[in-house]
Amino acid sequence: MAFGRPNAAAARKKKARRAAEASRLRVPKVHVDEIDYKDVALLQRLTSAQGKLFSRKRTGLSAEAQRKASLALKRARFMALMPYVT
C-alpha cells in the first residue's frame, strides 16, 4: 500500500514537533542590557505560576541573558518586588 495510510512514525514525529512548538513560550527577543530587577513585567513573563524561572529552552534566552534573568529575579525577590513562592 504505497498510497494508503501515512507512515505511523512520521505522524508521531509531526505530532511531537507540534507539541514542542506549543510548549515554547512566546517571549519576544530580549537584549541582555534590558534585563533588570526593576522590570517586574518582564520577570513575570519569564517565571511560572509558582515563581520558578523558565528554562532557556522554553524562553529562548541566550545563556548570558538567562544568567542575568536569574540574578535579576533573585534581586527582585529580595527587594520584595516579586514573591518567592505563590
N, C-alpha and C. Protein backbone atom coordinates (compact mmCIF):
# COMPACT_ATOMS: atom_id res chain seq x y z
N MET A 1 0.83 -1.18 0.00
CA MET A 1 0.00 0.00 0.00
C MET A 1 0.87 1.24 0.00
N ALA A 2 1.28 1.65 -1.14
CA ALA A 2 2.16 2.79 -1.25
C ALA A 2 1.45 4.10 -0.95
N PHE A 3 0.17 4.19 -1.31
CA PHE A 3 -0.53 5.45 -1.12
C PHE A 3 -1.67 5.33 -0.11
N GLY A 4 -1.62 4.34 0.74
CA GLY A 4 -2.66 4.13 1.75
C GLY A 4 -2.50 5.10 2.91
N ARG A 5 -2.35 4.55 4.08
CA ARG A 5 -2.20 5.38 5.28
C ARG A 5 -0.79 5.93 5.37
N PRO A 6 -0.63 7.11 5.93
CA PRO A 6 0.72 7.65 6.09
C PRO A 6 1.50 6.83 7.12
N ASN A 7 2.78 6.94 7.03
CA ASN A 7 3.68 6.22 7.92
C ASN A 7 3.41 6.64 9.37
N ALA A 8 3.25 5.68 10.25
CA ALA A 8 2.92 5.97 11.65
C ALA A 8 4.07 6.71 12.34
N ALA A 9 5.30 6.35 12.01
CA ALA A 9 6.45 7.01 12.64
C ALA A 9 6.51 8.48 12.24
N ALA A 10 6.23 8.77 10.99
CA ALA A 10 6.25 10.16 10.53
C ALA A 10 5.15 10.96 11.21
N ALA A 11 4.00 10.34 11.42
CA ALA A 11 2.89 11.03 12.08
C ALA A 11 3.25 11.34 13.53
N ARG A 12 3.93 10.41 14.21
CA ARG A 12 4.34 10.66 15.60
C ARG A 12 5.35 11.80 15.68
N LYS A 13 6.29 11.83 14.74
CA LYS A 13 7.29 12.90 14.72
C LYS A 13 6.62 14.26 14.53
N LYS A 14 5.66 14.30 13.61
CA LYS A 14 4.97 15.55 13.32
C LYS A 14 4.19 16.02 14.56
N LYS A 15 3.54 15.09 15.24
CA LYS A 15 2.77 15.43 16.44
C LYS A 15 3.71 15.92 17.55
N ALA A 16 4.85 15.27 17.72
CA ALA A 16 5.81 15.66 18.75
C ALA A 16 6.37 17.05 18.44
N ARG A 17 6.61 17.34 17.17
CA ARG A 17 7.15 18.64 16.78
C ARG A 17 6.14 19.75 17.11
N ARG A 18 4.85 19.48 16.83
CA ARG A 18 3.82 20.48 17.13
C ARG A 18 3.72 20.71 18.64
N ALA A 19 3.83 19.65 19.42
CA ALA A 19 3.74 19.78 20.88
C ALA A 19 4.93 20.56 21.41
N ALA A 20 6.11 20.35 20.84
CA ALA A 20 7.30 21.07 21.29
C ALA A 20 7.17 22.55 20.97
N GLU A 21 6.63 22.87 19.81
CA GLU A 21 6.46 24.27 19.44
C GLU A 21 5.43 24.94 20.34
N ALA A 22 4.39 24.22 20.70
CA ALA A 22 3.34 24.80 21.53
C ALA A 22 3.82 25.03 22.96
N SER A 23 4.75 24.20 23.44
CA SER A 23 5.21 24.33 24.81
C SER A 23 6.18 25.50 24.99
N ARG A 24 6.71 26.02 23.90
CA ARG A 24 7.62 27.15 23.99
C ARG A 24 6.86 28.42 24.31
N LEU A 25 7.41 29.20 25.18
CA LEU A 25 6.82 30.49 25.49
C LEU A 25 7.08 31.45 24.35
N ARG A 26 6.19 32.35 24.16
CA ARG A 26 6.36 33.36 23.13
C ARG A 26 6.91 34.63 23.76
N VAL A 27 8.16 34.57 24.22
CA VAL A 27 8.80 35.73 24.82
C VAL A 27 9.54 36.46 23.71
N PRO A 28 9.26 37.75 23.53
CA PRO A 28 9.98 38.47 22.48
C PRO A 28 11.47 38.51 22.79
N LYS A 29 12.25 38.71 21.76
CA LYS A 29 13.70 38.75 21.94
C LYS A 29 14.07 39.86 22.91
N VAL A 30 14.82 39.49 23.92
CA VAL A 30 15.21 40.43 24.97
C VAL A 30 16.71 40.59 24.91
N HIS A 31 17.17 41.84 24.84
CA HIS A 31 18.60 42.09 24.89
C HIS A 31 19.08 41.96 26.33
N VAL A 32 20.32 41.60 26.48
CA VAL A 32 20.87 41.37 27.82
C VAL A 32 20.83 42.66 28.63
N ASP A 33 21.00 43.80 27.96
CA ASP A 33 21.01 45.08 28.67
C ASP A 33 19.63 45.45 29.21
N GLU A 34 18.56 44.87 28.65
CA GLU A 34 17.20 45.23 29.06
C GLU A 34 16.73 44.49 30.31
N ILE A 35 17.43 43.44 30.71
CA ILE A 35 17.00 42.64 31.86
C ILE A 35 17.46 43.34 33.14
N ASP A 36 16.48 43.68 33.99
CA ASP A 36 16.77 44.40 35.22
C ASP A 36 15.79 43.94 36.30
N TYR A 37 16.20 44.01 37.54
CA TYR A 37 15.33 43.54 38.62
C TYR A 37 14.12 44.44 38.81
N LYS A 38 14.17 45.67 38.32
CA LYS A 38 13.04 46.59 38.47
C LYS A 38 11.96 46.37 37.41
N ASP A 39 12.28 45.62 36.37
CA ASP A 39 11.31 45.33 35.30
C ASP A 39 10.50 44.09 35.69
N VAL A 40 9.51 44.28 36.54
CA VAL A 40 8.73 43.17 37.08
C VAL A 40 7.89 42.50 35.99
N ALA A 41 7.41 43.28 35.04
CA ALA A 41 6.57 42.71 33.97
C ALA A 41 7.36 41.68 33.15
N LEU A 42 8.60 41.99 32.83
CA LEU A 42 9.44 41.05 32.08
C LEU A 42 9.74 39.82 32.92
N LEU A 43 10.05 40.01 34.19
CA LEU A 43 10.37 38.88 35.05
C LEU A 43 9.16 37.97 35.24
N GLN A 44 7.96 38.54 35.28
CA GLN A 44 6.76 37.71 35.41
C GLN A 44 6.53 36.87 34.17
N ARG A 45 6.90 37.38 32.99
CA ARG A 45 6.77 36.58 31.76
C ARG A 45 7.77 35.43 31.74
N LEU A 46 8.88 35.59 32.45
CA LEU A 46 9.92 34.57 32.46
C LEU A 46 9.75 33.56 33.59
N THR A 47 8.75 33.74 34.44
CA THR A 47 8.56 32.83 35.57
C THR A 47 7.22 32.11 35.45
N SER A 48 7.16 30.95 36.10
CA SER A 48 5.92 30.16 36.11
C SER A 48 4.98 30.69 37.18
N ALA A 49 3.82 30.07 37.29
CA ALA A 49 2.84 30.49 38.30
C ALA A 49 3.37 30.25 39.71
N GLN A 50 4.28 29.28 39.86
CA GLN A 50 4.86 29.00 41.17
C GLN A 50 6.04 29.92 41.49
N GLY A 51 6.46 30.75 40.54
CA GLY A 51 7.56 31.66 40.76
C GLY A 51 8.90 31.13 40.30
N LYS A 52 8.92 29.99 39.61
CA LYS A 52 10.17 29.43 39.13
C LYS A 52 10.53 30.04 37.78
N LEU A 53 11.81 30.24 37.54
CA LEU A 53 12.28 30.76 36.27
C LEU A 53 12.20 29.67 35.22
N PHE A 54 11.61 29.99 34.06
CA PHE A 54 11.52 29.01 32.98
C PHE A 54 12.91 28.72 32.42
N SER A 55 13.05 27.57 31.80
CA SER A 55 14.33 27.17 31.23
C SER A 55 14.62 27.94 29.95
N ARG A 56 15.85 27.88 29.52
CA ARG A 56 16.25 28.54 28.27
C ARG A 56 15.51 27.95 27.09
N LYS A 57 15.22 26.68 27.16
CA LYS A 57 14.51 26.01 26.07
C LYS A 57 13.12 26.59 25.89
N ARG A 58 12.47 26.94 26.98
CA ARG A 58 11.11 27.49 26.91
C ARG A 58 11.11 28.97 26.58
N THR A 59 12.09 29.72 27.09
CA THR A 59 12.08 31.17 26.88
C THR A 59 12.83 31.60 25.63
N GLY A 60 13.81 30.80 25.21
CA GLY A 60 14.59 31.17 24.05
C GLY A 60 15.68 32.18 24.36
N LEU A 61 16.01 32.37 25.63
CA LEU A 61 17.06 33.31 26.01
C LEU A 61 18.43 32.70 25.76
N SER A 62 19.42 33.56 25.57
CA SER A 62 20.79 33.09 25.46
C SER A 62 21.29 32.73 26.86
N ALA A 63 22.45 32.11 26.93
CA ALA A 63 23.00 31.71 28.23
C ALA A 63 23.29 32.93 29.09
N GLU A 64 23.84 33.96 28.48
CA GLU A 64 24.15 35.18 29.22
C GLU A 64 22.87 35.85 29.72
N ALA A 65 21.86 35.91 28.87
CA ALA A 65 20.59 36.54 29.27
C ALA A 65 19.90 35.72 30.36
N GLN A 66 20.02 34.38 30.29
CA GLN A 66 19.40 33.53 31.32
C GLN A 66 20.07 33.75 32.67
N ARG A 67 21.39 33.88 32.68
CA ARG A 67 22.10 34.15 33.93
C ARG A 67 21.70 35.50 34.51
N LYS A 68 21.59 36.49 33.63
CA LYS A 68 21.21 37.82 34.09
C LYS A 68 19.77 37.83 34.60
N ALA A 69 18.88 37.08 33.94
CA ALA A 69 17.49 36.99 34.38
C ALA A 69 17.41 36.31 35.74
N SER A 70 18.22 35.29 35.95
CA SER A 70 18.24 34.60 37.23
C SER A 70 18.68 35.53 38.35
N LEU A 71 19.72 36.29 38.11
CA LEU A 71 20.21 37.24 39.11
C LEU A 71 19.18 38.35 39.36
N ALA A 72 18.55 38.83 38.29
CA ALA A 72 17.53 39.88 38.44
C ALA A 72 16.34 39.37 39.23
N LEU A 73 15.95 38.12 39.00
CA LEU A 73 14.83 37.54 39.74
C LEU A 73 15.16 37.42 41.23
N LYS A 74 16.38 37.00 41.53
CA LYS A 74 16.79 36.88 42.94
C LYS A 74 16.80 38.25 43.62
N ARG A 75 17.27 39.26 42.91
CA ARG A 75 17.29 40.61 43.48
C ARG A 75 15.87 41.15 43.67
N ALA A 76 15.00 40.89 42.69
CA ALA A 76 13.61 41.36 42.80
C ALA A 76 12.90 40.67 43.96
N ARG A 77 13.20 39.41 44.19
CA ARG A 77 12.61 38.71 45.33
C ARG A 77 13.11 39.31 46.65
N PHE A 78 14.40 39.61 46.72
CA PHE A 78 14.97 40.17 47.94
C PHE A 78 14.39 41.55 48.23
N MET A 79 14.14 42.33 47.18
CA MET A 79 13.59 43.67 47.34
C MET A 79 12.06 43.65 47.47
N ALA A 80 11.47 42.46 47.51
CA ALA A 80 10.02 42.26 47.67
C ALA A 80 9.22 42.79 46.49
N LEU A 81 9.83 42.81 45.30
CA LEU A 81 9.10 43.17 44.09
C LEU A 81 8.43 41.94 43.48
N MET A 82 9.01 40.78 43.74
CA MET A 82 8.47 39.51 43.24
C MET A 82 8.37 38.56 44.43
N PRO A 83 7.37 37.69 44.43
CA PRO A 83 7.25 36.73 45.53
C PRO A 83 8.24 35.57 45.36
N TYR A 84 8.65 34.99 46.47
CA TYR A 84 9.48 33.79 46.40
C TYR A 84 8.64 32.62 45.92
N VAL A 85 7.45 32.48 46.46
CA VAL A 85 6.53 31.40 46.11
C VAL A 85 5.13 31.98 46.07
N THR A 86 4.30 31.45 45.17
CA THR A 86 2.90 31.91 45.14
C THR A 86 1.97 30.80 45.54
